[in-house]
Amino acid sequence: MANKFSDLRARMTPAAQARSGASAQTMLSALPLNELRQARGLSQKMLADVLHVQQPAIAKMERRTDMYLSTLRSHIEAMGGQLEVLARFPDGVVKISNFAELGQLR
């Protein structure tokens, strides 16, 4: 018989639970759009309904490697998120703010 994850987790040491939680956060911090949508519990059809497009348009968008920021923003907002654009440099991270202003004009 299979064990419930909650039972297994309860038997883990606090240190092991912390490592497990950190590992899960790392995995969730970098996902392709289709896996992000699935992790949020949404189907392509549900997302298509929110964006007022057909389901095949969602499938096509999730396969793209290049798209407008406005398209990506709409996709993320339809999932309940907020898009931020960051630039990473050896000496730090900078949030690019002018793209956020574009979203407020809609």
PDB file of N, CA and C in Angstrom:
ATOM      1  N   MET A   1       0.839  -1.174   0.000  1.00  0.00           N
ATOM      2  CA  MET A   1       0.000   0.000   0.000  1.00  0.00           C
ATOM      3  C   MET A   1       0.890   1.246   0.000  1.00  0.00           C
ATOM      4  N   ALA A   2       0.488   2.233  -0.754  1.00  0.00           N
ATOM      5  CA  ALA A   2       1.259   3.479  -0.862  1.00  0.00           C
ATOM      6  C   ALA A   2       1.068   4.331   0.387  1.00  0.00           C
ATOM      7  N   ASN A   3       2.129   5.031   0.752  1.00  0.00           N
ATOM      8  CA  ASN A   3       2.067   5.945   1.895  1.00  0.00           C
ATOM      9  C   ASN A   3       1.664   7.330   1.423  1.00  0.00           C
ATOM     10  N   LYS A   4       0.945   8.052   2.271  1.00  0.00           N
ATOM     11  CA  LYS A   4       0.626   9.440   1.976  1.00  0.00           C
ATOM     12  C   LYS A   4       1.883  10.276   2.179  1.00  0.00           C
ATOM     13  N   PHE A   5       2.057  11.288   1.321  1.00  0.00           N
ATOM     14  CA  PHE A   5       3.222  12.145   1.454  1.00  0.00           C
ATOM     15  C   PHE A   5       3.213  12.855   2.804  1.00  0.00           C
ATOM     16  N   SER A   6       2.038  13.253   3.266  1.00  0.00           N
ATOM     17  CA  SER A   6       1.964  13.959   4.554  1.00  0.00           C
ATOM     18  C   SER A   6       2.469  13.077   5.695  1.00  0.00           C
ATOM     19  N   ASP A   7       2.206  11.754   5.618  1.00  0.00           N
ATOM     20  CA  ASP A   7       2.708  10.834   6.639  1.00  0.00           C
ATOM     21  C   ASP A   7       4.222  10.720   6.562  1.00  0.00           C
ATOM     22  N   LEU A   8       4.737  10.605   5.339  1.00  0.00           N
ATOM     23  CA  LEU A   8       6.184  10.520   5.164  1.00  0.00           C
ATOM     24  C   LEU A   8       6.869  11.792   5.634  1.00  0.00           C
ATOM     25  N   ARG A   9       6.282  12.930   5.290  1.00  0.00           N
ATOM     26  CA  ARG A   9       6.867  14.218   5.685  1.00  0.00           C
ATOM     27  C   ARG A   9       6.873  14.372   7.206  1.00  0.00           C
ATOM     28  N   ALA A  10       5.833  13.897   7.870  1.00  0.00           N
ATOM     29  CA  ALA A  10       5.755  14.011   9.328  1.00  0.00           C
ATOM     30  C   ALA A  10       6.872  13.228  10.005  1.00  0.00           C
ATOM     31  N   ARG A  11       7.359  12.177   9.364  1.00  0.00           N
ATOM     32  CA  ARG A  11       8.444  11.377   9.943  1.00  0.00           C
ATOM     33  C   ARG A  11       9.829  11.939   9.628  1.00  0.00           C
ATOM     34  N   MET A  12       9.883  12.961   8.771  1.00  0.00           N
ATOM     35  CA  MET A  12      11.169  13.558   8.415  1.00  0.00           C
ATOM     36  C   MET A  12      11.650  14.477   9.537  1.00  0.00           C
ATOM     37  N   THR A  13      12.964  14.599   9.663  1.00  0.00           N
ATOM     38  CA  THR A  13      13.518  15.540  10.631  1.00  0.00           C
ATOM     39  C   THR A  13      13.227  16.959  10.151  1.00  0.00           C
ATOM     40  N   PRO A  14      13.236  17.935  11.050  1.00  0.00           N
ATOM     41  CA  PRO A  14      13.028  19.329  10.617  1.00  0.00           C
ATOM     42  C   PRO A  14      14.043  19.758   9.551  1.00  0.00           C
ATOM     43  N   ALA A  15      15.278  19.302   9.672  1.00  0.00           N
ATOM     44  CA  ALA A  15      16.299  19.658   8.678  1.00  0.00           C
ATOM     45  C   ALA A  15      15.954  19.060   7.317  1.00  0.00           C
ATOM     46  N   ALA A  16      15.489  17.809   7.315  1.00  0.00           N
ATOM     47  CA  ALA A  16      15.111  17.160   6.057  1.00  0.00           C
ATOM     48  C   ALA A  16      13.888  17.842   5.445  1.00  0.00           C
ATOM     49  N   GLN A  17      12.946  18.265   6.292  1.00  0.00           N
ATOM     50  CA  GLN A  17      11.774  18.988   5.794  1.00  0.00           C
ATOM     51  C   GLN A  17      12.192  20.309   5.163  1.00  0.00           C
ATOM     52  N   ALA A  18      13.135  20.999   5.785  1.00  0.00           N
ATOM     53  CA  ALA A  18      13.621  22.274   5.248  1.00  0.00           C
ATOM     54  C   ALA A  18      14.310  22.059   3.900  1.00  0.00           C
ATOM     55  N   ARG A  19      15.140  21.013   3.812  1.00  0.00           N
ATOM     56  CA  ARG A  19      15.814  20.711   2.537  1.00  0.00           C
ATOM     57  C   ARG A  19      14.801  20.369   1.450  1.00  0.00           C
ATOM     58  N   SER A  20      13.797  19.594   1.823  1.00  0.00           N
ATOM     59  CA  SER A  20      12.755  19.205   0.872  1.00  0.00           C
ATOM     60  C   SER A  20      11.978  20.428   0.383  1.00  0.00           C
ATOM     61  N   GLY A  21      11.638  21.316   1.313  1.00  0.00           N
ATOM     62  CA  GLY A  21      10.917  22.542   0.950  1.00  0.00           C
ATOM     63  C   GLY A  21      11.746  23.436   0.051  1.00  0.00           C
ATOM     64  N   ALA A  22      13.029  23.564   0.356  1.00  0.00           N
ATOM     65  CA  ALA A  22      13.916  24.393  -0.467  1.00  0.00           C
ATOM     66  C   ALA A  22      14.073  23.797  -1.859  1.00  0.00           C
ATOM     67  N   SER A  23      14.177  22.492  -1.929  1.00  0.00           N
ATOM     68  CA  SER A  23      14.291  21.819  -3.225  1.00  0.00           C
ATOM     69  C   SER A  23      13.029  22.030  -4.062  1.00  0.00           C
ATOM     70  N   ALA A  24      11.872  21.923  -3.423  1.00  0.00           N
ATOM     71  CA  ALA A  24      10.604  22.136  -4.129  1.00  0.00           C
ATOM     72  C   ALA A  24      10.513  23.568  -4.641  1.00  0.00           C
ATOM     73  N   GLN A  25      10.912  24.552  -3.817  1.00  0.00           N
ATOM     74  CA  GLN A  25      10.877  25.951  -4.239  1.00  0.00           C
ATOM     75  C   GLN A  25      11.805  26.186  -5.421  1.00  0.00           C
ATOM     76  N   THR A  26      12.973  25.563  -5.408  1.00  0.00           N
ATOM     77  CA  THR A  26      13.915  25.700  -6.519  1.00  0.00           C
ATOM     78  C   THR A  26      13.301  25.158  -7.804  1.00  0.00           C
ATOM     79  N   MET A  27      12.659  24.007  -7.708  1.00  0.00           N
ATOM     80  CA  MET A  27      12.034  23.418  -8.897  1.00  0.00           C
ATOM     81  C   MET A  27      10.899  24.291  -9.415  1.00  0.00           C
ATOM     82  N   LEU A  28      10.129  24.887  -8.502  1.00  0.00           N
ATOM     83  CA  LEU A  28       9.000  25.716  -8.913  1.00  0.00           C
ATOM     84  C   LEU A  28       9.420  27.101  -9.385  1.00  0.00           C
ATOM     85  N   SER A  29      10.666  27.488  -9.127  1.00  0.00           N
ATOM     86  CA  SER A  29      11.100  28.836  -9.491  1.00  0.00           C
ATOM     87  C   SER A  29      11.505  28.953 -10.957  1.00  0.00           C
ATOM     88  N   ALA A  30      11.628  27.853 -11.653  1.00  0.00           N
ATOM     89  CA  ALA A  30      12.002  27.897 -13.066  1.00  0.00           C
ATOM     90  C   ALA A  30      11.199  26.840 -13.823  1.00  0.00           C
ATOM     91  N   LEU A  31      10.095  27.268 -14.420  1.00  0.00           N
ATOM     92  CA  LEU A  31       9.216  26.349 -15.137  1.00  0.00           C
ATOM     93  C   LEU A  31       8.877  26.908 -16.509  1.00  0.00           C
ATOM     94  N   PRO A  32       8.751  26.024 -17.502  1.00  0.00           N
ATOM     95  CA  PRO A  32       8.182  26.479 -18.774  1.00  0.00           C
ATOM     96  C   PRO A  32       6.711  26.854 -18.557  1.00  0.00           C
ATOM     97  N   LEU A  33       6.155  27.654 -19.462  1.00  0.00           N
ATOM     98  CA  LEU A  33       4.771  28.130 -19.298  1.00  0.00           C
ATOM     99  C   LEU A  33       3.763  26.997 -19.106  1.00  0.00           C
ATOM    100  N   ASN A  34       3.902  25.914 -19.871  1.00  0.00           N
ATOM    101  CA  ASN A  34       2.915  24.833 -19.756  1.00  0.00           C
ATOM    102  C   ASN A  34       2.971  24.177 -18.375  1.00  0.00           C
ATOM    103  N   GLU A  35       4.175  24.011 -17.819  1.00  0.00           N
ATOM    104  CA  GLU A  35       4.288  23.411 -16.491  1.00  0.00           C
ATOM    105  C   GLU A  35       3.814  24.382 -15.411  1.00  0.00           C
ATOM    106  N   LEU A  36       4.049  25.672 -15.611  1.00  0.00           N
ATOM    107  CA  LEU A  36       3.549  26.678 -14.680  1.00  0.00           C
ATOM    108  C   LEU A  36       2.023  26.650 -14.660  1.00  0.00           C
ATOM    109  N   ARG A  37       1.418  26.602 -15.850  1.00  0.00           N
ATOM    110  CA  ARG A  37      -0.048  26.533 -15.944  1.00  0.00           C
ATOM    111  C   ARG A  37      -0.567  25.305 -15.214  1.00  0.00           C
ATOM    112  N   GLN A  38       0.062  24.157 -15.440  1.00  0.00           N
ATOM    113  CA  GLN A  38      -0.378  22.922 -14.792  1.00  0.00           C
ATOM    114  C   GLN A  38      -0.190  22.989 -13.281  1.00  0.00           C
ATOM    115  N   ALA A  39       0.926  23.578 -12.833  1.00  0.00           N
ATOM    116  CA  ALA A  39       1.169  23.717 -11.394  1.00  0.00           C
ATOM    117  C   ALA A  39       0.123  24.619 -10.743  1.00  0.00           C
ATOM    118  N   ARG A  40      -0.431  25.552 -11.507  1.00  0.00           N
ATOM    119  CA  ARG A  40      -1.476  26.447 -10.997  1.00  0.00           C
ATOM    120  C   ARG A  40      -2.857  25.792 -11.085  1.00  0.00           C
ATOM    121  N   GLY A  41      -2.915  24.550 -11.598  1.00  0.00           N
ATOM    122  CA  GLY A  41      -4.175  23.817 -11.667  1.00  0.00           C
ATOM    123  C   GLY A  41      -5.091  24.275 -12.777  1.00  0.00           C
ATOM    124  N   LEU A  42      -4.509  24.817 -13.847  1.00  0.00           N
ATOM    125  CA  LEU A  42      -5.318  25.320 -14.965  1.00  0.00           C
ATOM    126  C   LEU A  42      -5.126  24.454 -16.203  1.00  0.00           C
ATOM    127  N   SER A  43      -6.197  24.256 -16.946  1.00  0.00           N
ATOM    128  CA  SER A  43      -6.105  23.581 -18.236  1.00  0.00           C
ATOM    129  C   SER A  43      -5.901  24.644 -19.322  1.00  0.00           C
ATOM    130  N   GLN A  44      -5.487  24.196 -20.492  1.00  0.00           N
ATOM    131  CA  GLN A  44      -5.357  25.134 -21.613  1.00  0.00           C
ATOM    132  C   GLN A  44      -6.711  25.754 -21.932  1.00  0.00           C
ATOM    133  N   LYS A  45      -7.769  24.990 -21.839  1.00  0.00           N
ATOM    134  CA  LYS A  45      -9.116  25.492 -22.127  1.00  0.00           C
ATOM    135  C   LYS A  45      -9.520  26.576 -21.138  1.00  0.00           C
ATOM    136  N   MET A  46      -9.229  26.360 -19.863  1.00  0.00           N
ATOM    137  CA  MET A  46      -9.574  27.356 -18.840  1.00  0.00           C
ATOM    138  C   MET A  46      -8.829  28.663 -19.103  1.00  0.00           C
ATOM    139  N   LEU A  47      -7.547  28.560 -19.431  1.00  0.00           N
ATOM    140  CA  LEU A  47      -6.751  29.751 -19.708  1.00  0.00           C
ATOM    141  C   LEU A  47      -7.240  30.441 -20.975  1.00  0.00           C
ATOM    142  N   ALA A  48      -7.596  29.658 -21.979  1.00  0.00           N
ATOM    143  CA  ALA A  48      -8.120  30.218 -23.226  1.00  0.00           C
ATOM    144  C   ALA A  48      -9.405  31.004 -22.970  1.00  0.00           C
ATOM    145  N   ASP A  49     -10.261  30.486 -22.112  1.00  0.00           N
ATOM    146  CA  ASP A  49     -11.507  31.189 -21.781  1.00  0.00           C
ATOM    147  C   ASP A  49     -11.224  32.538 -21.128  1.00  0.00           C
ATOM    148  N   VAL A  50     -10.253  32.579 -20.217  1.00  0.00           N
ATOM    149  CA  VAL A  50      -9.907  33.832 -19.543  1.00  0.00           C
ATOM    150  C   VAL A  50      -9.337  34.848 -20.531  1.00  0.00           C
ATOM    151  N   LEU A  51      -8.517  34.348 -21.463  1.00  0.00           N
ATOM    152  CA  LEU A  51      -7.866  35.235 -22.437  1.00  0.00           C
ATOM    153  C   LEU A  51      -8.728  35.506 -23.674  1.00  0.00           C
ATOM    154  N   HIS A  52      -9.900  34.884 -23.754  1.00  0.00           N
ATOM    155  CA  HIS A  52     -10.821  35.049 -24.881  1.00  0.00           C
ATOM    156  C   HIS A  52     -10.167  34.643 -26.204  1.00  0.00           C
ATOM    157  N   VAL A  53      -9.498  33.485 -26.172  1.00  0.00           N
ATOM    158  CA  VAL A  53      -8.901  32.896 -27.370  1.00  0.00           C
ATOM    159  C   VAL A  53      -9.296  31.422 -27.408  1.00  0.00           C
ATOM    160  N   GLN A  54      -8.976  30.765 -28.498  1.00  0.00           N
ATOM    161  CA  GLN A  54      -9.245  29.334 -28.620  1.00  0.00           C
ATOM    162  C   GLN A  54      -8.115  28.538 -27.959  1.00  0.00           C
ATOM    163  N   GLN A  55      -8.402  27.323 -27.505  1.00  0.00           N
ATOM    164  CA  GLN A  55      -7.416  26.483 -26.834  1.00  0.00           C
ATOM    165  C   GLN A  55      -6.159  26.260 -27.664  1.00  0.00           C
ATOM    166  N   PRO A  56      -6.252  26.034 -28.991  1.00  0.00           N
ATOM    167  CA  PRO A  56      -5.017  25.849 -29.769  1.00  0.00           C
ATOM    168  C   PRO A  56      -4.063  27.050 -29.697  1.00  0.00           C
ATOM    169  N   ALA A  57      -4.597  28.247 -29.479  1.00  0.00           N
ATOM    170  CA  ALA A  57      -3.734  29.425 -29.353  1.00  0.00           C
ATOM    171  C   ALA A  57      -2.879  29.330 -28.087  1.00  0.00           C
ATOM    172  N   ILE A  58      -3.424  28.748 -27.031  1.00  0.00           N
ATOM    173  CA  ILE A  58      -2.668  28.561 -25.792  1.00  0.00           C
ATOM    174  C   ILE A  58      -1.572  27.525 -26.019  1.00  0.00           C
ATOM    175  N   ALA A  59      -1.919  26.437 -26.679  1.00  0.00           N
ATOM    176  CA  ALA A  59      -0.915  25.400 -26.965  1.00  0.00           C
ATOM    177  C   ALA A  59       0.228  25.979 -27.799  1.00  0.00           C
ATOM    178  N   LYS A  60      -0.112  26.786 -28.785  1.00  0.00           N
ATOM    179  CA  LYS A  60       0.908  27.410 -29.638  1.00  0.00           C
ATOM    180  C   LYS A  60       1.784  28.372 -28.825  1.00  0.00           C
ATOM    181  N   MET A  61       1.151  29.173 -27.974  1.00  0.00           N
ATOM    182  CA  MET A  61       1.894  30.139 -27.167  1.00  0.00           C
ATOM    183  C   MET A  61       2.871  29.423 -26.230  1.00  0.00           C
ATOM    184  N   GLU A  62       2.447  28.302 -25.661  1.00  0.00           N
ATOM    185  CA  GLU A  62       3.298  27.571 -24.722  1.00  0.00           C
ATOM    186  C   GLU A  62       4.504  26.922 -25.405  1.00  0.00           C
ATOM    187  N   ARG A  63       4.436  26.742 -26.703  1.00  0.00           N
ATOM    188  CA  ARG A  63       5.567  26.158 -27.447  1.00  0.00           C
ATOM    189  C   ARG A  63       6.530  27.208 -27.970  1.00  0.00           C
ATOM    190  N   ARG A  64       6.122  28.471 -27.944  1.00  0.00           N
ATOM    191  CA  ARG A  64       6.951  29.538 -28.507  1.00  0.00           C
ATOM    192  C   ARG A  64       8.184  29.793 -27.656  1.00  0.00           C
ATOM    193  N   THR A  65       9.269  30.176 -28.323  1.00  0.00           N
ATOM    194  CA  THR A  65      10.487  30.548 -27.614  1.00  0.00           C
ATOM    195  C   THR A  65      10.692  32.059 -27.648  1.00  0.00           C
ATOM    196  N   ASP A  66       9.831  32.762 -28.400  1.00  0.00           N
ATOM    197  CA  ASP A  66       9.944  34.209 -28.515  1.00  0.00           C
ATOM    198  C   ASP A  66       8.532  34.787 -28.598  1.00  0.00           C
ATOM    199  N   MET A  67       8.256  35.816 -27.777  1.00  0.00           N
ATOM    200  CA  MET A  67       6.942  36.446 -27.818  1.00  0.00           C
ATOM    201  C   MET A  67       7.050  37.862 -27.264  1.00  0.00           C
ATOM    202  N   TYR A  68       6.050  38.658 -27.524  1.00  0.00           N
ATOM    203  CA  TYR A  68       5.991  40.007 -26.969  1.00  0.00           C
ATOM    204  C   TYR A  68       5.826  39.928 -25.455  1.00  0.00           C
ATOM    205  N   LEU A  69       6.391  40.902 -24.758  1.00  0.00           N
ATOM    206  CA  LEU A  69       6.203  40.969 -23.310  1.00  0.00           C
ATOM    207  C   LEU A  69       4.730  41.134 -22.965  1.00  0.00           C
ATOM    208  N   SER A  70       3.997  41.876 -23.772  1.00  0.00           N
ATOM    209  CA  SER A  70       2.566  42.071 -23.498  1.00  0.00           C
ATOM    210  C   SER A  70       1.806  40.749 -23.580  1.00  0.00           C
ATOM    211  N   THR A  71       2.204  39.867 -24.489  1.00  0.00           N
ATOM    212  CA  THR A  71       1.574  38.552 -24.608  1.00  0.00           C
ATOM    213  C   THR A  71       1.896  37.712 -23.377  1.00  0.00           C
ATOM    214  N   LEU A  72       3.154  37.721 -22.984  1.00  0.00           N
ATOM    215  CA  LEU A  72       3.562  36.979 -21.796  1.00  0.00           C
ATOM    216  C   LEU A  72       2.871  37.532 -20.555  1.00  0.00           C
ATOM    217  N   ARG A  73       2.778  38.857 -20.445  1.00  0.00           N
ATOM    218  CA  ARG A  73       2.108  39.485 -19.301  1.00  0.00           C
ATOM    219  C   ARG A  73       0.654  39.024 -19.227  1.00  0.00           C
ATOM    220  N   SER A  74      -0.049  39.041 -20.351  1.00  0.00           N
ATOM    221  CA  SER A  74      -1.453  38.605 -20.369  1.00  0.00           C
ATOM    222  C   SER A  74      -1.581  37.167 -19.903  1.00  0.00           C
ATOM    223  N   HIS A  75      -0.685  36.329 -20.369  1.00  0.00           N
ATOM    224  CA  HIS A  75      -0.692  34.907 -20.017  1.00  0.00           C
ATOM    225  C   HIS A  75      -0.487  34.738 -18.507  1.00  0.00           C
ATOM    226  N   ILE A  76       0.494  35.431 -17.956  1.00  0.00           N
ATOM    227  CA  ILE A  76       0.797  35.335 -16.532  1.00  0.00           C
ATOM    228  C   ILE A  76      -0.351  35.898 -15.699  1.00  0.00           C
ATOM    229  N   GLU A  77      -0.904  37.043 -16.106  1.00  0.00           N
ATOM    230  CA  GLU A  77      -2.012  37.644 -15.362  1.00  0.00           C
ATOM    231  C   GLU A  77      -3.252  36.762 -15.396  1.00  0.00           C
ATOM    232  N   ALA A  78      -3.474  36.060 -16.511  1.00  0.00           N
ATOM    233  CA  ALA A  78      -4.620  35.152 -16.615  1.00  0.00           C
ATOM    234  C   ALA A  78      -4.482  33.994 -15.626  1.00  0.00           C
ATOM    235  N   MET A  79      -3.248  33.678 -15.235  1.00  0.00           N
ATOM    236  CA  MET A  79      -3.011  32.622 -14.246  1.00  0.00           C
ATOM    237  C   MET A  79      -3.030  33.179 -12.819  1.00  0.00           C
ATOM    238  N   GLY A  80      -3.249  34.484 -12.696  1.00  0.00           N
ATOM    239  CA  GLY A  80      -3.313  35.096 -11.375  1.00  0.00           C
ATOM    240  C   GLY A  80      -1.998  35.677 -10.895  1.00  0.00           C
ATOM    241  N   GLY A  81      -1.020  35.767 -11.794  1.00  0.00           N
ATOM    242  CA  GLY A  81       0.296  36.281 -11.415  1.00  0.00           C
ATOM    243  C   GLY A  81       0.540  37.691 -11.901  1.00  0.00           C
ATOM    244  N   GLN A  82       1.752  38.141 -11.683  1.00  0.00           N
ATOM    245  CA  GLN A  82       2.187  39.467 -12.117  1.00  0.00           C
ATOM    246  C   GLN A  82       3.582  39.314 -12.712  1.00  0.00           C
ATOM    247  N   LEU A  83       3.780  39.836 -13.899  1.00  0.00           N
ATOM    248  CA  LEU A  83       5.064  39.710 -14.583  1.00  0.00           C
ATOM    249  C   LEU A  83       6.007  40.822 -14.148  1.00  0.00           C
ATOM    250  N   GLU A  84       7.241  40.448 -13.824  1.00  0.00           N
ATOM    251  CA  GLU A  84       8.297  41.400 -13.533  1.00  0.00           C
ATOM    252  C   GLU A  84       9.480  41.065 -14.430  1.00  0.00           C
ATOM    253  N   VAL A  85      10.142  42.074 -14.967  1.00  0.00           N
ATOM    254  CA  VAL A  85      11.317  41.871 -15.808  1.00  0.00           C
ATOM    255  C   VAL A  85      12.545  42.256 -14.989  1.00  0.00           C
ATOM    256  N   LEU A  86      13.469  41.308 -14.845  1.00  0.00           N
ATOM    257  CA  LEU A  86      14.678  41.523 -14.065  1.00  0.00           C
ATOM    258  C   LEU A  86      15.902  41.364 -14.946  1.00  0.00           C
ATOM    259  N   ALA A  87      16.909  42.174 -14.685  1.00  0.00           N
ATOM    260  CA  ALA A  87      18.212  42.039 -15.343  1.00  0.00           C
ATOM    261  C   ALA A  87      19.213  41.635 -14.273  1.00  0.00           C
ATOM    262  N   ARG A  88      19.911  40.528 -14.485  1.00  0.00           N
ATOM    263  CA  ARG A  88      20.890  40.032 -13.512  1.00  0.00           C
ATOM    264  C   ARG A  88      22.297  40.361 -13.992  1.00  0.00           C
ATOM    265  N   PHE A  89      23.053  40.990 -13.126  1.00  0.00           N
ATOM    266  CA  PHE A  89      24.439  41.350 -13.390  1.00  0.00           C
ATOM    267  C   PHE A  89      25.308  40.716 -12.308  1.00  0.00           C
ATOM    268  N   PRO A  90      26.611  40.611 -12.552  1.00  0.00           N
ATOM    269  CA  PRO A  90      27.483  40.039 -11.514  1.00  0.00           C
ATOM    270  C   PRO A  90      27.398  40.776 -10.187  1.00  0.00           C
ATOM    271  N   ASP A  91      27.104  42.074 -10.219  1.00  0.00           N
ATOM    272  CA  ASP A  91      27.066  42.838  -8.977  1.00  0.00           C
ATOM    273  C   ASP A  91      25.656  43.094  -8.453  1.00  0.00           C
ATOM    274  N   GLY A  92      24.639  42.459  -9.031  1.00  0.00           N
ATOM    275  CA  GLY A  92      23.292  42.617  -8.504  1.00  0.00           C
ATOM    276  C   GLY A  92      22.200  42.452  -9.536  1.00  0.00           C
ATOM    277  N   VAL A  93      20.971  42.573  -9.064  1.00  0.00           N
ATOM    278  CA  VAL A  93      19.775  42.418  -9.885  1.00  0.00           C
ATOM    279  C   VAL A  93      19.047  43.750  -9.948  1.00  0.00           C
ATOM    280  N   VAL A  94      18.570  44.090 -11.157  1.00  0.00           N
ATOM    281  CA  VAL A  94      17.837  45.334 -11.358  1.00  0.00           C
ATOM    282  C   VAL A  94      16.469  44.992 -11.953  1.00  0.00           C
ATOM    283  N   LYS A  95      15.412  45.517 -11.330  1.00  0.00           N
ATOM    284  CA  LYS A  95      14.060  45.353 -11.877  1.00  0.00           C
ATOM    285  C   LYS A  95      13.862  46.439 -12.931  1.00  0.00           C
ATOM    286  N   ILE A  96      13.491  46.027 -14.136  1.00  0.00           N
ATOM    287  CA  ILE A  96      13.232  46.968 -15.226  1.00  0.00           C
ATOM    288  C   ILE A  96      11.792  47.449 -15.058  1.00  0.00           C
ATOM    289  N   SER A  97      11.637  48.733 -14.756  1.00  0.00           N
ATOM    290  CA  SER A  97      10.324  49.228 -14.359  1.00  0.00           C
ATOM    291  C   SER A  97       9.476  49.753 -15.523  1.00  0.00           C
ATOM    292  N   ASN A  98      10.071  50.135 -16.649  1.00  0.00           N
ATOM    293  CA  ASN A  98       9.244  50.736 -17.689  1.00  0.00           C
ATOM    294  C   ASN A  98       8.274  49.746 -18.334  1.00  0.00           C
ATOM    295  N   PHE A  99       8.515  48.436 -18.222  1.00  0.00           N
ATOM    296  CA  PHE A  99       7.573  47.472 -18.754  1.00  0.00           C
ATOM    297  C   PHE A  99       6.339  47.360 -17.861  1.00  0.00           C
ATOM    298  N   ALA A 100       6.505  47.577 -16.578  1.00  0.00           N
ATOM    299  CA  ALA A 100       5.377  47.573 -15.653  1.00  0.00           C
ATOM    300  C   ALA A 100       4.426  48.715 -15.962  1.00  0.00           C
ATOM    301  N   GLU A 101       4.984  49.865 -16.357  1.00  0.00           N
ATOM    302  CA  GLU A 101       4.151  51.022 -16.691  1.00  0.00           C
ATOM    303  C   GLU A 101       3.278  50.736 -17.898  1.00  0.00           C
ATOM    304  N   LEU A 102       3.775  49.962 -18.848  1.00  0.00           N
ATOM    305  CA  LEU A 102       2.987  49.640 -20.034  1.00  0.00           C
ATOM    306  C   LEU A 102       1.750  48.851 -19.669  1.00  0.00           C
ATOM    307  N   GLY A 103       1.862  47.955 -18.689  1.00  0.00           N
ATOM    308  CA  GLY A 103       0.716  47.172 -18.264  1.00  0.00           C
ATOM    309  C   GLY A 103      -0.365  48.019 -17.628  1.00  0.00           C
ATOM    310  N   GLN A 104      -0.007  49.152 -17.043  1.00  0.00           N
ATOM    311  CA  GLN A 104      -0.982  50.004 -16.374  1.00  0.00           C
ATOM    312  C   GLN A 104      -1.764  50.861 -17.361  1.00  0.00           C
ATOM    313  N   LEU A 105      -1.299  50.960 -18.588  1.00  0.00           N
ATOM    314  CA  LEU A 105      -1.976  51.777 -19.585  1.00  0.00           C
ATOM    315  C   LEU A 105      -3.210  51.103 -20.167  1.00  0.00           C
ATOM    316  N   ARG A 106      -3.331  49.813 -19.967  1.00  0.00           N
ATOM    317  CA  ARG A 106      -4.465  49.088 -20.541  1.00  0.00           C
ATOM    318  C   ARG A 106      -5.751  49.434 -19.894  1.00  0.00           C
TER     319      ARG A 106
END
